[in-house]
Amino acid sequence: MHLVTDGVTPVPRLVMVDDLGKDDGYYCEPDRPLFLAPGDRILFDGMKMILTVTRAGGGTFSPTGQWGVRCSRSGSRF
């Protein structure tokens, strides 16, 4: 499932996340499955290695996990 991680767009339905990645190759694997409720918003900053979840009620938290960079095809020539 594609999730928008701009910190503004709410999650449309209940989702369990065990891996988040971006087109630029950055990814985060939370230490345990992350359950997102409808209305939650995600801010994913791979450069700073920050993952922030804002609950629909306004509370925020930053789950811990492993960060890394996967090979990206952008800029590659075949």
PDB file of N, CA and C in Angstrom:
ATOM      1  N   MET A   1       0.846  -1.173   0.000  1.00  0.00           N
ATOM      2  CA  MET A   1       0.000   0.000   0.000  1.00  0.00           C
ATOM      3  C   MET A   1       0.894   1.239   0.000  1.00  0.00           C
ATOM      4  N   HIS A   2       0.539   2.213  -0.760  1.00  0.00           N
ATOM      5  CA  HIS A   2       1.268   3.474  -0.810  1.00  0.00           C
ATOM      6  C   HIS A   2       0.694   4.422   0.245  1.00  0.00           C
ATOM      7  N   LEU A   3       1.552   4.898   1.144  1.00  0.00           N
ATOM      8  CA  LEU A   3       1.128   5.867   2.152  1.00  0.00           C
ATOM      9  C   LEU A   3       1.822   7.192   1.879  1.00  0.00           C
ATOM     10  N   VAL A   4       1.079   8.267   1.949  1.00  0.00           N
ATOM     11  CA  VAL A   4       1.661   9.592   1.798  1.00  0.00           C
ATOM     12  C   VAL A   4       2.254   9.974   3.151  1.00  0.00           C
ATOM     13  N   THR A   5       3.536  10.331   3.156  1.00  0.00           N
ATOM     14  CA  THR A   5       4.225  10.614   4.417  1.00  0.00           C
ATOM     15  C   THR A   5       4.685  12.067   4.474  1.00  0.00           C
ATOM     16  N   ASP A   6       3.772  12.968   4.166  1.00  0.00           N
ATOM     17  CA  ASP A   6       4.108  14.389   4.147  1.00  0.00           C
ATOM     18  C   ASP A   6       3.776  15.094   5.456  1.00  0.00           C
ATOM     19  N   GLY A   7       3.254  14.366   6.426  1.00  0.00           N
ATOM     20  CA  GLY A   7       2.895  14.960   7.709  1.00  0.00           C
ATOM     21  C   GLY A   7       1.562  15.675   7.713  1.00  0.00           C
ATOM     22  N   VAL A   8       0.913  15.769   6.553  1.00  0.00           N
ATOM     23  CA  VAL A   8      -0.347  16.498   6.425  1.00  0.00           C
ATOM     24  C   VAL A   8      -1.491  15.573   6.012  1.00  0.00           C
ATOM     25  N   THR A   9      -1.221  14.669   5.092  1.00  0.00           N
ATOM     26  CA  THR A   9      -2.256  13.792   4.541  1.00  0.00           C
ATOM     27  C   THR A   9      -2.588  12.676   5.535  1.00  0.00           C
ATOM     28  N   PRO A  10      -3.866  12.553   5.942  1.00  0.00           N
ATOM     29  CA  PRO A  10      -4.230  11.522   6.912  1.00  0.00           C
ATOM     30  C   PRO A  10      -4.293  10.122   6.284  1.00  0.00           C
ATOM     31  N   VAL A  11      -4.016   9.130   7.115  1.00  0.00           N
ATOM     32  CA  VAL A  11      -4.148   7.731   6.704  1.00  0.00           C
ATOM     33  C   VAL A  11      -5.639   7.448   6.535  1.00  0.00           C
ATOM     34  N   PRO A  12      -6.048   6.837   5.400  1.00  0.00           N
ATOM     35  CA  PRO A  12      -7.475   6.666   5.141  1.00  0.00           C
ATOM     36  C   PRO A  12      -8.161   5.544   5.932  1.00  0.00           C
ATOM     37  N   ARG A  13      -7.377   4.554   6.391  1.00  0.00           N
ATOM     38  CA  ARG A  13      -7.980   3.423   7.105  1.00  0.00           C
ATOM     39  C   ARG A  13      -6.948   2.805   8.027  1.00  0.00           C
ATOM     40  N   LEU A  14      -7.362   1.864   8.861  1.00  0.00           N
ATOM     41  CA  LEU A  14      -6.456   1.175   9.771  1.00  0.00           C
ATOM     42  C   LEU A  14      -5.394   0.432   8.954  1.00  0.00           C
ATOM     43  N   VAL A  15      -4.128   0.649   9.313  1.00  0.00           N
ATOM     44  CA  VAL A  15      -3.016   0.063   8.565  1.00  0.00           C
ATOM     45  C   VAL A  15      -1.972  -0.445   9.547  1.00  0.00           C
ATOM     46  N   MET A  16      -1.399  -1.620   9.262  1.00  0.00           N
ATOM     47  CA  MET A  16      -0.255  -2.123  10.010  1.00  0.00           C
ATOM     48  C   MET A  16       0.977  -1.943   9.136  1.00  0.00           C
ATOM     49  N   VAL A  17       2.002  -1.273   9.677  1.00  0.00           N
ATOM     50  CA  VAL A  17       3.206  -0.967   8.917  1.00  0.00           C
ATOM     51  C   VAL A  17       4.388  -1.695   9.547  1.00  0.00           C
ATOM     52  N   ASP A  18       5.169  -2.404   8.724  1.00  0.00           N
ATOM     53  CA  ASP A  18       6.395  -3.005   9.236  1.00  0.00           C
ATOM     54  C   ASP A  18       7.620  -2.544   8.448  1.00  0.00           C
ATOM     55  N   ASP A  19       7.403  -1.699   7.448  1.00  0.00           N
ATOM     56  CA  ASP A  19       8.496  -1.171   6.641  1.00  0.00           C
ATOM     57  C   ASP A  19       7.990   0.064   5.905  1.00  0.00           C
ATOM     58  N   LEU A  20       8.732   1.142   6.001  1.00  0.00           N
ATOM     59  CA  LEU A  20       8.401   2.363   5.261  1.00  0.00           C
ATOM     60  C   LEU A  20       9.597   2.730   4.398  1.00  0.00           C
ATOM     61  N   GLY A  21       9.355   3.014   3.144  1.00  0.00           N
ATOM     62  CA  GLY A  21      10.434   3.408   2.248  1.00  0.00           C
ATOM     63  C   GLY A  21      10.017   4.570   1.373  1.00  0.00           C
ATOM     64  N   LYS A  22      11.013   5.289   0.877  1.00  0.00           N
ATOM     65  CA  LYS A  22      10.753   6.416  -0.008  1.00  0.00           C
ATOM     66  C   LYS A  22      11.422   6.166  -1.352  1.00  0.00           C
ATOM     67  N   ASP A  23      11.001   6.916  -2.347  1.00  0.00           N
ATOM     68  CA  ASP A  23      11.560   6.767  -3.688  1.00  0.00           C
ATOM     69  C   ASP A  23      13.049   7.075  -3.740  1.00  0.00           C
ATOM     70  N   ASP A  24      13.546   7.878  -2.799  1.00  0.00           N
ATOM     71  CA  ASP A  24      14.968   8.228  -2.812  1.00  0.00           C
ATOM     72  C   ASP A  24      15.849   7.161  -2.165  1.00  0.00           C
ATOM     73  N   GLY A  25      15.245   6.055  -1.728  1.00  0.00           N
ATOM     74  CA  GLY A  25      16.006   4.930  -1.206  1.00  0.00           C
ATOM     75  C   GLY A  25      16.034   4.816   0.304  1.00  0.00           C
ATOM     76  N   TYR A  26      15.686   5.881   1.037  1.00  0.00           N
ATOM     77  CA  TYR A  26      15.683   5.804   2.494  1.00  0.00           C
ATOM     78  C   TYR A  26      14.537   4.911   2.966  1.00  0.00           C
ATOM     79  N   TYR A  27      14.791   4.164   4.042  1.00  0.00           N
ATOM     80  CA  TYR A  27      13.737   3.316   4.591  1.00  0.00           C
ATOM     81  C   TYR A  27      13.860   3.259   6.108  1.00  0.00           C
ATOM     82  N   CYS A  28      12.777   2.861   6.742  1.00  0.00           N
ATOM     83  CA  CYS A  28      12.747   2.638   8.183  1.00  0.00           C
ATOM     84  C   CYS A  28      11.951   1.365   8.441  1.00  0.00           C
ATOM     85  N   GLU A  29      12.539   0.495   9.251  1.00  0.00           N
ATOM     86  CA  GLU A  29      11.848  -0.703   9.705  1.00  0.00           C
ATOM     87  C   GLU A  29      11.612  -0.535  11.203  1.00  0.00           C
ATOM     88  N   PRO A  30      10.371  -0.212  11.608  1.00  0.00           N
ATOM     89  CA  PRO A  30      10.095  -0.036  13.037  1.00  0.00           C
ATOM     90  C   PRO A  30      10.453  -1.292  13.825  1.00  0.00           C
ATOM     91  N   ASP A  31      10.857  -1.114  15.095  1.00  0.00           N
ATOM     92  CA  ASP A  31      11.234  -2.240  15.956  1.00  0.00           C
ATOM     93  C   ASP A  31      10.092  -3.226  16.150  1.00  0.00           C
ATOM     94  N   ARG A  32       8.884  -2.730  16.097  1.00  0.00           N
ATOM     95  CA  ARG A  32       7.702  -3.600  16.184  1.00  0.00           C
ATOM     96  C   ARG A  32       6.669  -3.049  15.214  1.00  0.00           C
ATOM     97  N   PRO A  33       5.697  -3.858  14.813  1.00  0.00           N
ATOM     98  CA  PRO A  33       4.687  -3.363  13.866  1.00  0.00           C
ATOM     99  C   PRO A  33       4.031  -2.082  14.374  1.00  0.00           C
ATOM    100  N   LEU A  34       3.813  -1.177  13.459  1.00  0.00           N
ATOM    101  CA  LEU A  34       3.230   0.123  13.763  1.00  0.00           C
ATOM    102  C   LEU A  34       1.791   0.124  13.259  1.00  0.00           C
ATOM    103  N   PHE A  35       0.853   0.344  14.165  1.00  0.00           N
ATOM    104  CA  PHE A  35      -0.554   0.394  13.784  1.00  0.00           C
ATOM    105  C   PHE A  35      -0.977   1.845  13.649  1.00  0.00           C
ATOM    106  N   LEU A  36      -1.464   2.195  12.476  1.00  0.00           N
ATOM    107  CA  LEU A  36      -1.933   3.546  12.199  1.00  0.00           C
ATOM    108  C   LEU A  36      -3.453   3.524  12.070  1.00  0.00           C
ATOM    109  N   ALA A  37      -4.102   4.446  12.750  1.00  0.00           N
ATOM    110  CA  ALA A  37      -5.561   4.543  12.725  1.00  0.00           C
ATOM    111  C   ALA A  37      -5.988   5.570  11.683  1.00  0.00           C
ATOM    112  N   PRO A  38      -7.229   5.486  11.224  1.00  0.00           N
ATOM    113  CA  PRO A  38      -7.711   6.504  10.291  1.00  0.00           C
ATOM    114  C   PRO A  38      -7.528   7.908  10.883  1.00  0.00           C
ATOM    115  N   GLY A  39      -6.987   8.808  10.076  1.00  0.00           N
ATOM    116  CA  GLY A  39      -6.750  10.169  10.522  1.00  0.00           C
ATOM    117  C   GLY A  39      -5.329  10.433  11.004  1.00  0.00           C
ATOM    118  N   ASP A  40      -4.562   9.370  11.299  1.00  0.00           N
ATOM    119  CA  ASP A  40      -3.165   9.560  11.689  1.00  0.00           C
ATOM    120  C   ASP A  40      -2.382  10.124  10.507  1.00  0.00           C
ATOM    121  N   ARG A  41      -1.334  10.882  10.829  1.00  0.00           N
ATOM    122  CA  ARG A  41      -0.470  11.447   9.791  1.00  0.00           C
ATOM    123  C   ARG A  41       0.970  11.036  10.065  1.00  0.00           C
ATOM    124  N   ILE A  42       1.737  10.800   9.004  1.00  0.00           N
ATOM    125  CA  ILE A  42       3.117  10.342   9.130  1.00  0.00           C
ATOM    126  C   ILE A  42       4.050  11.378   8.504  1.00  0.00           C
ATOM    127  N   LEU A  43       5.127  11.685   9.220  1.00  0.00           N
ATOM    128  CA  LEU A  43       6.177  12.522   8.669  1.00  0.00           C
ATOM    129  C   LEU A  43       7.441  11.672   8.649  1.00  0.00           C
ATOM    130  N   PHE A  44       7.984  11.432   7.468  1.00  0.00           N
ATOM    131  CA  PHE A  44       9.125  10.542   7.259  1.00  0.00           C
ATOM    132  C   PHE A  44      10.253  11.373   6.671  1.00  0.00           C
ATOM    133  N   ASP A  45      11.330  11.548   7.421  1.00  0.00           N
ATOM    134  CA  ASP A  45      12.484  12.294   6.933  1.00  0.00           C
ATOM    135  C   ASP A  45      13.697  11.375   6.982  1.00  0.00           C
ATOM    136  N   GLY A  46      14.020  10.765   5.844  1.00  0.00           N
ATOM    137  CA  GLY A  46      15.133   9.840   5.774  1.00  0.00           C
ATOM    138  C   GLY A  46      16.480  10.498   5.976  1.00  0.00           C
ATOM    139  N   MET A  47      16.626  11.727   5.514  1.00  0.00           N
ATOM    140  CA  MET A  47      17.901  12.434   5.653  1.00  0.00           C
ATOM    141  C   MET A  47      18.243  12.648   7.138  1.00  0.00           C
ATOM    142  N   LYS A  48      17.245  12.996   7.955  1.00  0.00           N
ATOM    143  CA  LYS A  48      17.468  13.220   9.385  1.00  0.00           C
ATOM    144  C   LYS A  48      17.176  11.967  10.203  1.00  0.00           C
ATOM    145  N   MET A  49      16.690  10.915   9.553  1.00  0.00           N
ATOM    146  CA  MET A  49      16.317   9.653  10.202  1.00  0.00           C
ATOM    147  C   MET A  49      15.305   9.887  11.307  1.00  0.00           C
ATOM    148  N   ILE A  50      14.221  10.561  10.935  1.00  0.00           N
ATOM    149  CA  ILE A  50      13.133  10.856  11.870  1.00  0.00           C
ATOM    150  C   ILE A  50      11.821  10.345  11.283  1.00  0.00           C
ATOM    151  N   LEU A  51      11.093   9.591  12.076  1.00  0.00           N
ATOM    152  CA  LEU A  51       9.753   9.136  11.725  1.00  0.00           C
ATOM    153  C   LEU A  51       8.836   9.642  12.832  1.00  0.00           C
ATOM    154  N   THR A  52       7.868  10.483  12.490  1.00  0.00           N
ATOM    155  CA  THR A  52       6.942  11.039  13.472  1.00  0.00           C
ATOM    156  C   THR A  52       5.518  10.717  13.067  1.00  0.00           C
ATOM    157  N   VAL A  53       4.755  10.210  14.018  1.00  0.00           N
ATOM    158  CA  VAL A  53       3.335   9.927  13.801  1.00  0.00           C
ATOM    159  C   VAL A  53       2.532  10.912  14.628  1.00  0.00           C
ATOM    160  N   THR A  54       1.591  11.581  13.984  1.00  0.00           N
ATOM    161  CA  THR A  54       0.668  12.479  14.680  1.00  0.00           C
ATOM    162  C   THR A  54      -0.703  11.815  14.672  1.00  0.00           C
ATOM    163  N   ARG A  55      -1.189  11.492  15.853  1.00  0.00           N
ATOM    164  CA  ARG A  55      -2.495  10.845  15.975  1.00  0.00           C
ATOM    165  C   ARG A  55      -3.603  11.831  15.623  1.00  0.00           C
ATOM    166  N   ALA A  56      -4.756  11.298  15.260  1.00  0.00           N
ATOM    167  CA  ALA A  56      -5.906  12.133  14.895  1.00  0.00           C
ATOM    168  C   ALA A  56      -6.281  13.088  16.029  1.00  0.00           C
ATOM    169  N   GLY A  57      -6.048  12.686  17.280  1.00  0.00           N
ATOM    170  CA  GLY A  57      -6.358  13.519  18.434  1.00  0.00           C
ATOM    171  C   GLY A  57      -5.313  14.588  18.727  1.00  0.00           C
ATOM    172  N   GLY A  58      -4.189  14.578  17.986  1.00  0.00           N
ATOM    173  CA  GLY A  58      -3.164  15.602  18.158  1.00  0.00           C
ATOM    174  C   GLY A  58      -1.886  15.150  18.827  1.00  0.00           C
ATOM    175  N   GLY A  59      -1.897  14.026  19.520  1.00  0.00           N
ATOM    176  CA  GLY A  59      -0.677  13.521  20.155  1.00  0.00           C
ATOM    177  C   GLY A  59       0.329  13.050  19.119  1.00  0.00           C
ATOM    178  N   THR A  60       1.611  13.136  19.457  1.00  0.00           N
ATOM    179  CA  THR A  60       2.659  12.685  18.538  1.00  0.00           C
ATOM    180  C   THR A  60       3.597  11.711  19.232  1.00  0.00           C
ATOM    181  N   PHE A  61       4.242  10.867  18.437  1.00  0.00           N
ATOM    182  CA  PHE A  61       5.292   9.987  18.934  1.00  0.00           C
ATOM    183  C   PHE A  61       6.214   9.623  17.774  1.00  0.00           C
ATOM    184  N   SER A  62       7.416   9.206  18.122  1.00  0.00           N
ATOM    185  CA  SER A  62       8.404   8.799  17.120  1.00  0.00           C
ATOM    186  C   SER A  62       8.829   7.371  17.407  1.00  0.00           C
ATOM    187  N   PRO A  63       8.344   6.411  16.610  1.00  0.00           N
ATOM    188  CA  PRO A  63       8.714   5.028  16.832  1.00  0.00           C
ATOM    189  C   PRO A  63      10.202   4.809  16.557  1.00  0.00           C
ATOM    190  N   THR A  64      10.796   3.882  17.287  1.00  0.00           N
ATOM    191  CA  THR A  64      12.196   3.530  17.057  1.00  0.00           C
ATOM    192  C   THR A  64      12.270   2.432  16.006  1.00  0.00           C
ATOM    193  N   GLY A  65      13.415   2.331  15.380  1.00  0.00           N
ATOM    194  CA  GLY A  65      13.589   1.305  14.366  1.00  0.00           C
ATOM    195  C   GLY A  65      14.942   1.409  13.695  1.00  0.00           C
ATOM    196  N   GLN A  66      15.126   0.596  12.684  1.00  0.00           N
ATOM    197  CA  GLN A  66      16.362   0.596  11.921  1.00  0.00           C
ATOM    198  C   GLN A  66      16.192   1.447  10.681  1.00  0.00           C
ATOM    199  N   TRP A  67      17.194   2.263  10.406  1.00  0.00           N
ATOM    200  CA  TRP A  67      17.191   3.136   9.235  1.00  0.00           C
ATOM    201  C   TRP A  67      18.271   2.693   8.280  1.00  0.00           C
ATOM    202  N   GLY A  68      18.062   2.962   7.022  1.00  0.00           N
ATOM    203  CA  GLY A  68      19.077   2.652   6.033  1.00  0.00           C
ATOM    204  C   GLY A  68      18.724   3.229   4.679  1.00  0.00           C
ATOM    205  N   VAL A  69      19.582   2.917   3.728  1.00  0.00           N
ATOM    206  CA  VAL A  69      19.369   3.355   2.350  1.00  0.00           C
ATOM    207  C   VAL A  69      19.467   2.125   1.469  1.00  0.00           C
ATOM    208  N   ARG A  70      18.460   1.929   0.667  1.00  0.00           N
ATOM    209  CA  ARG A  70      18.471   0.841  -0.305  1.00  0.00           C
ATOM    210  C   ARG A  70      18.935   1.409  -1.635  1.00  0.00           C
ATOM    211  N   CYS A  71      19.452   0.565  -2.467  1.00  0.00           N
ATOM    212  CA  CYS A  71      19.878   1.014  -3.796  1.00  0.00           C
ATOM    213  C   CYS A  71      18.685   1.626  -4.514  1.00  0.00           C
ATOM    214  N   SER A  72      18.938   2.737  -5.138  1.00  0.00           N
ATOM    215  CA  SER A  72      17.889   3.447  -5.854  1.00  0.00           C
ATOM    216  C   SER A  72      18.217   3.457  -7.331  1.00  0.00           C
ATOM    217  N   ARG A  73      17.202   3.335  -8.153  1.00  0.00           N
ATOM    218  CA  ARG A  73      17.413   3.338  -9.596  1.00  0.00           C
ATOM    219  C   ARG A  73      17.502   4.750 -10.162  1.00  0.00           C
ATOM    220  N   SER A  74      17.157   5.749  -9.368  1.00  0.00           N
ATOM    221  CA  SER A  74      17.186   7.115  -9.882  1.00  0.00           C
ATOM    222  C   SER A  74      18.621   7.498 -10.224  1.00  0.00           C
ATOM    223  N   GLY A  75      18.791   8.047 -11.385  1.00  0.00           N
ATOM    224  CA  GLY A  75      20.120   8.461 -11.826  1.00  0.00           C
ATOM    225  C   GLY A  75      20.916   7.345 -12.472  1.00  0.00           C
ATOM    226  N   SER A  76      20.403   6.121 -12.430  1.00  0.00           N
ATOM    227  CA  SER A  76      21.120   5.003 -13.040  1.00  0.00           C
ATOM    228  C   SER A  76      20.878   4.975 -14.540  1.00  0.00           C
ATOM    229  N   ARG A  77      21.850   4.490 -15.240  1.00  0.00           N
ATOM    230  CA  ARG A  77      21.691   4.317 -16.679  1.00  0.00           C
ATOM    231  C   ARG A  77      21.795   2.844 -17.005  1.00  0.00           C
ATOM    232  N   PHE A  78      20.874   2.382 -17.813  1.00  0.00           N
ATOM    233  CA  PHE A  78      20.875   0.961 -18.198  1.00  0.00           C
ATOM    234  C   PHE A  78      21.222   0.820 -19.643  1.00  0.00           C
TER     235      PHE A  78
END
